[in-house]
Amino acid sequence: MNYLEAIAYIQSFPDMERATYGARGPTMGLPSMRSLLERMGNPQLGRKTVHIAGSKGKGSTATMITRILDETGLRTALYTSPHLHDYCERIAFGSTPISKETFARGVAEIKPIVEAEKADGNTSISTYGILTALFFHLVSKADPAVDIQIVEVGLGGRYDVTNVFTAKEVAVITPISLEHVEILGSSPTEIAANKAGIITPRCTAVLAPQKDKGAATAVGRRCREVHADFVDVGRSYKIRVIDQNASGQTFAIESEQGRFEFEIPMVGVHQVSNAATAIAAVRALKEHGIDPSADQIRAALKKTTVPGRMQILSGMKGGQKSGGPVIVVDAAHNHESANALATTIKETFGADSCIFVLGLNKDKNISAVWKELLGLCRICIATRSRNPRSADPRDIAEVVSTFGSSDDSVVLTDCVADGIDRAIDIARDGEVICVTGSMYVVGEAREHVLEDRAWDLIATW
């Protein structure tokens, strides 16, 4: 089996959002996932685990935690989603994504088990379920052995197919906002309660700083129910940004352990919050024999980047504008992420307007996202990614127009590359072009602008 054959096999199953959840509960569900893993010999067990749920910042926080643990010399395995360019990005050992050969070999190894599970009546296996099983399979077979796995949930928490541990060392809840309300709940408190379902008895739960106080209430309640330790980062840490520019940020955190300064090569105050949460998470591992020094944390964060999150693709050098438009990509897909994006553009680039190249998936609230961006917009170019779940650019343009945009300030294109080219033609020297709305749009923007990755000419779910 080669890589393309492996992709074709896993994509022959229903996608995650259709298969994993029904109206307000699971269709594939944990019994189905656990049955498959049981047949595989429960490869998810046998090592320390950090499990991460939340509405925003999961990927960044997971990456930061992994980089810090790498710095201590531990053998790490990281599972994230979705990907920007290919499925291999979702599984990394020592922060290095697996090769296509490893991916294909792993799928070939688990395929007979998956088929046997189907033959025994487990017909609700999803693409995401197979990818999750593949991660655990590869981790269990790794040589040298993996010391600790960092696992990001796909959707929700309590019913997510990654929630297959009876025990874990740390459960992290990143910022909560309204998302998938038809599935997870109609308020931040309800959604937080769903996310808190990943907290297992006697682990340590680490809650990122939250805008809604109900999140802390829901997570604290879950911790009391299962006798888990609770670290509320917003209460336990004082976080202050010292300096920020287009090259990154310096910040200080203060807690009972003392005051420390750190640097990250990423922009946006939300990334400082993610970094503080990552630090709290690794510190929670101390009772399990893992205790990174401040110098190790500092070294790890200083070199941590997360592609597609407020990433500058062109127009900047050494923190200064280098001529032509500044092209920035960010995967903001809900109103709070869009708010953080708009704030970062203003603070980092001193911009009072920009050109947006906007493409979202059909299940996203276009109005809520656009309400946060419209104050910065000079021109909106509505577009779509190759993903079959992409919203029609005409639907995006219609929503944008309802907020009072004139006809000449809304442009339609059928693909991300065309949208970026149109934006470059329109842009003034030094003006910011922001490509946003989904990871798929961001991935295609990177391919077009950087030309550093080849598209595999296969559909992604």
Protein backbone atom coordinates (compact mmCIF):
# COMPACT_ATOMS: atom_id res chain seq x y z
CA MET A 1 0.00 0.00 0.00
CA ASN A 2 1.38 3.42 -0.94
CA TYR A 3 0.43 6.80 0.51
CA LEU A 4 -2.29 7.61 -2.01
CA GLU A 5 -3.82 4.16 -1.55
CA ALA A 6 -3.75 4.66 2.22
CA ILE A 7 -5.51 8.01 1.86
CA ALA A 8 -8.11 6.50 -0.46
CA TYR A 9 -8.79 3.77 2.10
CA ILE A 10 -9.31 6.06 5.08
CA GLN A 11 -11.39 8.46 3.00
CA SER A 12 -13.71 5.61 2.02
CA PHE A 13 -15.18 5.97 5.53
CA PRO A 14 -17.58 8.74 6.59
CA ASP A 15 -15.97 11.97 7.73
CA MET A 16 -15.62 12.97 11.37
CA GLU A 17 -18.46 15.45 11.79
CA ARG A 18 -21.05 13.25 10.14
CA ALA A 19 -19.86 10.02 11.71
CA THR A 20 -18.78 11.03 15.20
CA TYR A 21 -21.89 12.91 16.24
CA GLY A 22 -25.62 12.80 15.82
CA ALA A 23 -27.91 15.64 16.83
CA ARG A 24 -26.52 16.00 20.36
CA GLY A 25 -24.56 12.79 20.89
CA PRO A 26 -22.19 10.33 19.25
CA THR A 27 -22.93 8.08 16.31
CA MET A 28 -19.54 6.39 16.09
CA GLY A 29 -19.12 6.99 19.76
CA LEU A 30 -16.68 5.76 22.32
CA PRO A 31 -18.01 2.17 22.46
CA SER A 32 -17.24 1.82 18.75
CA MET A 33 -13.77 3.36 19.12
CA ARG A 34 -12.96 1.37 22.21
CA SER A 35 -14.05 -1.82 20.49
CA LEU A 36 -11.63 -1.14 17.64
CA LEU A 37 -8.79 -0.29 20.02
CA GLU A 38 -9.51 -3.38 22.12
CA ARG A 39 -9.13 -5.51 19.00
CA MET A 40 -5.82 -3.73 18.36
CA GLY A 41 -4.57 -4.52 21.87
CA ASN A 42 -5.36 -1.09 23.39
CA PRO A 43 -2.36 0.72 21.88
CA GLN A 44 -3.43 3.98 23.52
CA LEU A 45 -2.21 2.69 26.89
CA GLY A 46 1.25 2.17 28.31
CA ARG A 47 2.66 5.71 28.44
CA LYS A 48 2.06 9.10 30.01
CA THR A 49 -0.64 11.22 28.37
CA VAL A 50 -1.47 14.91 28.04
CA HIS A 51 -4.96 15.33 26.55
CA ILE A 52 -6.07 18.69 25.15
CA ALA A 53 -9.58 20.00 24.45
CA GLY A 54 -10.97 23.49 23.88
CA SER A 55 -12.45 25.80 21.26
CA LYS A 56 -9.34 27.78 20.38
CA GLY A 57 -5.60 27.36 20.71
CA LYS A 58 -5.52 23.57 21.01
CA GLY A 59 -2.95 23.07 18.26
CA SER A 60 -0.69 25.89 19.41
CA THR A 61 -0.83 24.79 23.05
CA ALA A 62 -0.22 21.15 22.14
CA THR A 63 2.76 22.12 20.00
CA MET A 64 4.27 24.26 22.76
CA ILE A 65 3.86 21.47 25.32
CA THR A 66 5.52 19.03 22.95
CA ARG A 67 8.46 21.34 22.21
CA ILE A 68 9.10 21.84 25.92
CA LEU A 69 9.04 18.12 26.60
CA ASP A 70 11.33 17.52 23.62
CA GLU A 71 13.79 19.95 25.18
CA THR A 72 14.00 17.76 28.29
CA GLY A 73 15.08 14.78 26.22
CA LEU A 74 11.81 12.90 26.44
CA ARG A 75 10.55 10.93 23.45
CA THR A 76 7.23 12.57 22.49
CA ALA A 77 4.38 11.74 20.13
CA LEU A 78 1.94 14.47 19.05
CA TYR A 79 -1.51 14.05 17.51
CA THR A 80 -3.28 17.12 16.12
CA SER A 81 -5.92 18.02 13.54
CA PRO A 82 -6.74 19.16 10.96
CA HIS A 83 -3.73 19.39 8.66
CA LEU A 84 -2.58 22.14 6.32
CA HIS A 85 -1.16 20.08 3.46
CA ASP A 86 -1.23 16.34 4.10
CA TYR A 87 -2.31 13.83 6.71
CA CYS A 88 1.26 13.13 7.84
CA GLU A 89 1.29 16.47 9.68
CA ARG A 90 -1.22 15.10 12.20
CA ILE A 91 1.22 12.57 13.69
CA ALA A 92 4.67 13.63 14.87
CA PHE A 93 7.45 11.99 16.84
CA GLY A 94 9.89 14.36 18.51
CA SER A 95 8.00 17.18 16.78
CA THR A 96 8.85 15.73 13.33
CA PRO A 97 5.83 14.66 11.23
CA ILE A 98 5.88 11.07 10.06
CA SER A 99 6.82 10.24 6.48
CA LYS A 100 4.32 9.19 3.85
CA GLU A 101 5.95 5.76 3.87
CA THR A 102 5.35 5.41 7.62
CA PHE A 103 1.77 6.61 7.21
CA ALA A 104 1.07 4.08 4.43
CA ARG A 105 2.75 1.24 6.29
CA GLY A 106 0.72 1.97 9.42
CA VAL A 107 -2.58 2.04 7.53
CA ALA A 108 -1.69 -1.26 5.84
CA GLU A 109 -0.96 -2.79 9.26
CA ILE A 110 -4.25 -1.76 10.85
CA LYS A 111 -6.46 -2.32 7.79
CA PRO A 112 -7.07 -6.06 8.50
CA ILE A 113 -8.09 -5.17 12.06
CA VAL A 114 -10.45 -2.46 10.87
CA GLU A 115 -11.99 -4.84 8.32
CA ALA A 116 -12.43 -7.53 10.98
CA GLU A 117 -14.12 -4.99 13.24
CA LYS A 118 -16.47 -4.01 10.41
CA ALA A 119 -17.24 -7.69 9.70
CA ASP A 120 -18.27 -8.10 13.34
CA GLY A 121 -20.84 -5.33 13.00
CA ASN A 122 -18.94 -2.17 13.92
CA THR A 123 -20.13 -0.20 10.90
CA SER A 124 -19.81 3.31 12.33
CA ILE A 125 -16.04 3.70 12.04
CA SER A 126 -15.07 7.13 10.68
CA THR A 127 -12.10 8.60 8.87
CA TYR A 128 -11.13 10.41 12.04
CA GLY A 129 -11.50 7.22 14.05
CA ILE A 130 -9.06 5.40 11.78
CA LEU A 131 -6.59 8.27 11.95
CA THR A 132 -6.80 8.18 15.74
CA ALA A 133 -6.29 4.41 15.77
CA LEU A 134 -3.34 4.84 13.40
CA PHE A 135 -1.71 7.32 15.77
CA PHE A 136 -2.01 5.00 18.75
CA HIS A 137 -0.80 2.04 16.67
CA LEU A 138 2.31 3.86 15.46
CA VAL A 139 3.06 5.15 18.97
CA SER A 140 2.78 1.66 20.46
CA LYS A 141 5.24 0.29 17.86
CA ALA A 142 7.73 3.16 18.04
CA ASP A 143 11.40 2.38 18.65
CA PRO A 144 12.71 3.96 20.78
CA ALA A 145 9.59 3.84 22.89
CA VAL A 146 7.50 6.97 23.39
CA ASP A 147 7.63 8.42 26.90
CA ILE A 148 4.64 10.72 26.63
CA GLN A 149 1.86 11.33 24.09
CA ILE A 150 0.19 14.69 23.57
CA VAL A 151 -3.28 14.18 22.11
CA GLU A 152 -5.55 16.92 20.78
CA VAL A 153 -9.26 16.13 20.60
CA GLY A 154 -11.04 16.38 17.27
CA LEU A 155 -14.42 17.77 18.32
CA GLY A 156 -15.84 18.35 21.78
CA GLY A 157 -14.37 16.27 24.56
CA ARG A 158 -16.62 13.90 26.45
CA TYR A 159 -17.69 11.98 23.34
CA ASP A 160 -14.62 12.58 21.18
CA VAL A 161 -13.04 9.38 19.91
CA THR A 162 -9.70 10.37 21.47
CA ASN A 163 -11.31 10.19 24.92
CA VAL A 164 -10.35 6.55 25.42
CA PHE A 165 -8.21 6.76 28.56
CA THR A 166 -9.27 5.55 31.99
CA ALA A 167 -6.43 7.62 33.42
CA LYS A 168 -4.02 10.30 32.24
CA GLU A 169 -1.52 12.66 33.77
CA VAL A 170 -2.80 16.03 32.53
CA ALA A 171 -6.00 17.24 30.85
CA VAL A 172 -5.80 20.72 29.31
CA ILE A 173 -8.82 22.88 28.47
CA THR A 174 -7.93 25.80 26.21
CA PRO A 175 -10.20 28.87 25.75
CA ILE A 176 -13.88 28.06 25.30
CA SER A 177 -16.18 29.84 22.88
CA LEU A 178 -19.45 29.12 21.11
CA GLU A 179 -18.87 26.42 18.48
CA HIS A 180 -20.85 23.47 17.16
CA VAL A 181 -23.73 24.57 19.39
CA GLU A 182 -26.03 21.95 17.89
CA ILE A 183 -23.62 19.32 19.23
CA LEU A 184 -21.78 20.67 22.25
CA GLY A 185 -24.22 23.04 23.93
CA SER A 186 -25.77 26.46 23.59
CA SER A 187 -23.59 28.36 26.08
CA PRO A 188 -19.88 28.51 26.96
CA THR A 189 -20.69 26.79 30.27
CA GLU A 190 -22.39 23.87 28.52
CA ILE A 191 -19.57 23.59 26.00
CA ALA A 192 -16.99 23.70 28.80
CA ALA A 193 -18.82 20.88 30.57
CA ASN A 194 -18.54 18.80 27.39
CA LYS A 195 -14.83 19.60 27.02
CA ALA A 196 -14.28 18.79 30.70
CA GLY A 197 -15.35 15.23 29.94
CA ILE A 198 -11.69 14.48 29.16
CA ILE A 199 -10.76 14.98 32.83
CA THR A 200 -10.18 11.57 34.42
CA PRO A 201 -9.96 10.63 38.11
CA ARG A 202 -6.93 12.04 39.91
CA CYS A 203 -5.31 13.66 36.91
CA THR A 204 -4.43 17.36 36.87
CA ALA A 205 -6.77 19.61 34.90
CA VAL A 206 -5.22 22.79 33.52
CA LEU A 207 -7.68 25.48 32.43
CA ALA A 208 -6.46 28.28 30.14
CA PRO A 209 -7.53 31.88 30.88
CA GLN A 210 -11.20 32.27 29.92
CA LYS A 211 -13.47 35.15 28.97
CA ASP A 212 -16.55 33.39 30.36
CA LYS A 213 -16.53 32.59 34.09
CA GLY A 214 -18.87 29.69 33.50
CA ALA A 215 -16.01 27.66 31.99
CA ALA A 216 -14.12 27.63 35.29
CA THR A 217 -17.32 26.65 37.10
CA ALA A 218 -17.94 23.70 34.77
CA VAL A 219 -14.33 22.48 34.85
CA GLY A 220 -14.10 22.90 38.61
CA ARG A 221 -17.29 20.88 39.06
CA ARG A 222 -15.90 18.05 36.95
CA CYS A 223 -12.65 18.08 38.94
CA ARG A 224 -14.54 17.73 42.20
CA GLU A 225 -16.59 14.87 40.80
CA VAL A 226 -13.54 12.80 39.81
CA HIS A 227 -11.12 14.08 42.48
CA ALA A 228 -8.81 15.71 39.97
CA ASP A 229 -6.43 18.54 40.79
CA PHE A 230 -7.40 21.87 39.23
CA VAL A 231 -5.02 24.55 37.94
CA ASP A 232 -6.82 27.70 36.78
CA VAL A 233 -4.11 29.51 34.80
CA GLY A 234 -6.02 32.80 34.85
CA ARG A 235 -6.01 32.75 38.64
CA SER A 236 -2.69 31.02 39.36
CA TYR A 237 -0.53 33.06 36.98
CA LYS A 238 -0.05 36.77 36.38
CA ILE A 239 0.70 37.18 32.68
CA ARG A 240 2.09 40.40 31.19
CA VAL A 241 3.26 41.18 27.66
CA ILE A 242 6.54 43.12 27.81
CA ASP A 243 7.18 43.71 24.13
CA GLN A 244 5.61 42.68 20.83
CA ASN A 245 6.29 43.23 17.15
CA ALA A 246 5.95 41.32 13.90
CA SER A 247 8.86 39.06 14.90
CA GLY A 248 7.28 37.84 18.13
CA GLN A 249 6.65 38.70 21.76
CA THR A 250 8.36 38.80 25.11
CA PHE A 251 6.22 38.20 28.15
CA ALA A 252 6.51 37.56 31.88
CA ILE A 253 4.60 35.13 34.02
CA GLU A 254 4.51 35.24 37.78
CA SER A 255 3.28 32.53 40.14
CA GLU A 256 4.26 30.91 43.40
CA GLN A 257 7.26 29.46 41.54
CA GLY A 258 8.57 32.99 40.91
CA ARG A 259 8.73 35.44 38.02
CA PHE A 260 10.11 34.38 34.65
CA GLU A 261 10.42 35.99 31.24
CA PHE A 262 9.96 34.10 27.98
CA GLU A 263 9.99 34.83 24.28
CA ILE A 264 7.87 33.36 21.48
CA PRO A 265 8.34 33.98 17.74
CA MET A 266 4.58 34.28 17.26
CA VAL A 267 2.29 37.30 17.27
CA GLY A 268 -1.04 37.81 19.00
CA VAL A 269 -1.64 38.12 22.73
CA HIS A 270 -3.66 34.89 22.55
CA GLN A 271 -0.39 33.06 21.85
CA VAL A 272 0.99 34.39 25.12
CA SER A 273 -2.03 32.90 26.86
CA ASN A 274 -1.42 29.61 25.05
CA ALA A 275 2.23 29.66 26.13
CA ALA A 276 1.30 30.26 29.77
CA THR A 277 -1.15 27.35 29.58
CA ALA A 278 1.55 25.12 28.09
CA ILE A 279 3.94 26.08 30.88
CA ALA A 280 1.30 25.28 33.51
CA ALA A 281 0.66 21.91 31.85
CA VAL A 282 4.31 20.82 31.88
CA ARG A 283 4.71 22.02 35.44
CA ALA A 284 1.77 19.80 36.38
CA LEU A 285 3.89 16.82 35.28
CA LYS A 286 6.36 17.37 38.12
CA GLU A 287 4.72 14.79 40.35
CA HIS A 288 5.18 12.30 37.52
CA GLY A 289 8.92 12.82 37.36
CA ILE A 290 8.95 15.44 34.58
CA ASP A 291 10.22 18.85 35.67
CA PRO A 292 11.56 21.08 32.88
CA SER A 293 13.77 23.91 34.03
CA ALA A 294 13.00 27.53 33.22
CA ASP A 295 15.92 27.51 30.78
CA GLN A 296 14.53 24.44 28.99
CA ILE A 297 11.09 26.04 28.76
CA ARG A 298 12.65 29.28 27.53
CA ALA A 299 14.72 27.51 24.86
CA ALA A 300 11.73 25.49 23.64
CA LEU A 301 9.31 28.41 23.38
CA LYS A 302 11.86 30.62 21.66
CA LYS A 303 11.95 28.27 18.69
CA THR A 304 8.30 27.20 18.62
CA THR A 305 6.31 28.17 15.56
CA VAL A 306 2.90 26.92 14.45
CA PRO A 307 2.30 27.19 10.70
CA GLY A 308 -0.97 28.81 9.72
CA ARG A 309 -1.49 30.70 12.98
CA MET A 310 -0.90 34.42 12.36
CA GLN A 311 1.89 33.44 10.01
CA ILE A 312 3.50 36.13 7.86
CA LEU A 313 4.15 34.72 4.40
CA SER A 314 5.66 37.75 2.67
CA GLY A 315 6.25 41.47 2.92
CA MET A 316 8.18 41.45 6.22
CA LYS A 317 11.87 41.01 7.03
CA GLY A 318 13.43 41.36 10.44
CA GLY A 319 10.16 42.62 11.86
CA GLN A 320 9.99 45.45 9.30
CA LYS A 321 7.96 45.84 6.13
CA SER A 322 10.12 44.97 3.13
CA GLY A 323 8.03 46.33 0.27
CA GLY A 324 4.83 45.24 -1.40
CA PRO A 325 1.82 44.00 0.56
CA VAL A 326 2.19 42.03 3.79
CA ILE A 327 0.48 38.64 3.38
CA VAL A 328 -0.68 37.08 6.63
CA VAL A 329 -2.59 33.82 7.12
CA ASP A 330 -4.61 32.72 10.13
CA ALA A 331 -7.13 29.93 10.56
CA ALA A 332 -9.71 31.99 12.49
CA HIS A 333 -13.07 30.25 12.01
CA ASN A 334 -15.30 31.55 14.81
CA HIS A 335 -16.12 34.96 16.23
CA GLU A 336 -13.62 34.92 19.10
CA SER A 337 -10.77 33.76 16.86
CA ALA A 338 -11.75 36.47 14.38
CA ASN A 339 -11.75 39.05 17.17
CA ALA A 340 -8.25 37.97 18.20
CA LEU A 341 -7.15 38.15 14.57
CA ALA A 342 -8.46 41.70 14.11
CA THR A 343 -6.84 42.83 17.36
CA THR A 344 -3.51 41.30 16.36
CA ILE A 345 -3.52 42.96 12.95
CA LYS A 346 -4.12 46.35 14.57
CA GLU A 347 -1.53 45.91 17.31
CA THR A 348 1.20 44.17 15.32
CA PHE A 349 1.04 46.03 12.02
CA GLY A 350 -0.55 49.30 13.13
CA ALA A 351 -3.15 48.79 10.42
CA ASP A 352 -6.51 50.52 10.42
CA SER A 353 -7.66 48.64 7.31
CA CYS A 354 -6.68 45.62 5.27
CA ILE A 355 -7.82 43.31 2.49
CA PHE A 356 -9.40 40.05 3.62
CA VAL A 357 -9.36 36.89 1.51
CA LEU A 358 -12.09 34.97 3.28
CA GLY A 359 -13.22 31.36 2.90
CA LEU A 360 -15.13 29.35 5.50
CA ASN A 361 -16.71 25.93 5.76
CA LYS A 362 -20.46 25.56 5.41
CA ASP A 363 -20.98 24.79 9.11
CA LYS A 364 -19.41 28.05 10.31
CA ASN A 365 -21.27 31.18 11.35
CA ILE A 366 -20.21 33.59 8.62
CA SER A 367 -22.07 36.54 10.18
CA ALA A 368 -20.38 36.09 13.56
CA VAL A 369 -16.93 35.94 11.99
CA TRP A 370 -17.50 38.88 9.67
CA LYS A 371 -18.90 41.06 12.44
CA GLU A 372 -15.44 40.94 14.06
CA LEU A 373 -13.54 41.66 10.85
CA LEU A 374 -15.63 44.25 9.05
CA GLY A 375 -14.25 47.22 10.97
CA LEU A 376 -10.82 46.53 9.50
CA CYS A 377 -11.92 45.66 5.99
CA ARG A 378 -11.23 47.81 2.95
CA ILE A 379 -12.02 45.02 0.50
CA CYS A 380 -13.27 41.48 1.08
CA ILE A 381 -12.44 38.78 -1.45
CA ALA A 382 -14.79 35.86 -0.90
CA THR A 383 -13.31 32.54 -1.96
CA ARG A 384 -13.36 28.82 -1.30
CA SER A 385 -10.85 26.04 -0.67
CA ARG A 386 -10.86 22.72 -2.48
CA ASN A 387 -12.42 21.08 0.55
CA PRO A 388 -15.92 19.81 -0.33
CA ARG A 389 -17.29 21.35 2.86
CA SER A 390 -16.35 24.88 1.74
CA ALA A 391 -19.09 27.50 1.67
CA ASP A 392 -20.00 28.98 -1.70
CA PRO A 393 -18.21 32.36 -2.13
CA ARG A 394 -21.55 33.85 -3.17
CA ASP A 395 -23.00 32.95 0.22
CA ILE A 396 -20.05 34.59 1.95
CA ALA A 397 -20.41 37.71 -0.22
CA GLU A 398 -24.12 37.89 0.53
CA VAL A 399 -23.45 37.93 4.27
CA VAL A 400 -20.69 40.51 3.89
CA SER A 401 -23.03 42.72 1.86
CA THR A 402 -25.74 42.61 4.54
CA PHE A 403 -23.36 44.52 6.82
CA GLY A 404 -23.42 47.48 4.44
CA SER A 405 -20.42 46.76 2.23
CA SER A 406 -20.65 48.35 -1.22
CA ASP A 407 -20.61 46.24 -4.35
CA ASP A 408 -17.12 47.37 -5.30
CA SER A 409 -15.70 46.32 -1.89
CA VAL A 410 -16.72 42.65 -2.30
CA VAL A 411 -14.97 40.46 -4.85
CA LEU A 412 -15.76 36.83 -5.75
CA THR A 413 -13.17 34.21 -6.70
CA ASP A 414 -13.46 30.45 -7.10
CA CYS A 415 -10.16 29.47 -5.50
CA VAL A 416 -7.73 30.71 -2.88
CA ALA A 417 -4.88 31.27 -5.34
CA ASP A 418 -7.04 33.56 -7.48
CA GLY A 419 -8.21 35.37 -4.38
CA ILE A 420 -4.64 36.09 -3.30
CA ASP A 421 -3.63 37.22 -6.79
CA ARG A 422 -6.61 39.60 -6.92
CA ALA A 423 -5.68 40.95 -3.49
CA ILE A 424 -2.08 41.58 -4.58
CA ASP A 425 -3.32 43.46 -7.64
CA ILE A 426 -5.56 45.65 -5.48
CA ALA A 427 -3.25 46.15 -2.49
CA ARG A 428 -1.37 49.31 -1.73
CA ASP A 429 2.30 49.18 -0.86
CA GLY A 430 2.68 47.90 2.71
CA GLU A 431 -1.01 47.08 3.05
CA VAL A 432 -1.94 43.91 4.94
CA ILE A 433 -3.61 41.09 3.03
CA CYS A 434 -5.10 38.62 5.51
CA VAL A 435 -6.14 35.16 4.30
CA THR A 436 -8.42 33.50 6.82
CA GLY A 437 -11.51 31.40 7.59
CA SER A 438 -10.28 27.81 7.78
CA MET A 439 -7.18 25.63 7.95
CA TYR A 440 -7.90 24.48 4.41
CA VAL A 441 -7.86 28.04 3.06
CA VAL A 442 -4.65 28.74 4.96
CA GLY A 443 -3.01 25.58 3.63
CA GLU A 444 -3.78 26.53 0.04
CA ALA A 445 -2.54 30.06 0.67
CA ARG A 446 0.78 28.69 1.89
CA GLU A 447 1.06 26.47 -1.16
CA HIS A 448 0.41 29.40 -3.49
CA VAL A 449 2.58 32.03 -1.81
CA LEU A 450 5.45 29.92 -0.49
CA GLU A 451 5.35 27.23 -3.18
CA ASP A 452 7.04 24.94 -0.67
CA ARG A 453 4.62 22.06 -0.63
CA ALA A 454 3.09 20.05 -3.46
CA TRP A 455 -0.63 19.32 -3.37
CA ASP A 456 -1.37 15.63 -3.58
CA LEU A 457 -4.41 16.09 -5.83
CA ILE A 458 -6.60 14.24 -3.41
CA ALA A 459 -9.69 15.39 -1.57
CA THR A 460 -9.54 16.16 2.12
CA TRP A 461 -12.51 15.79 4.42
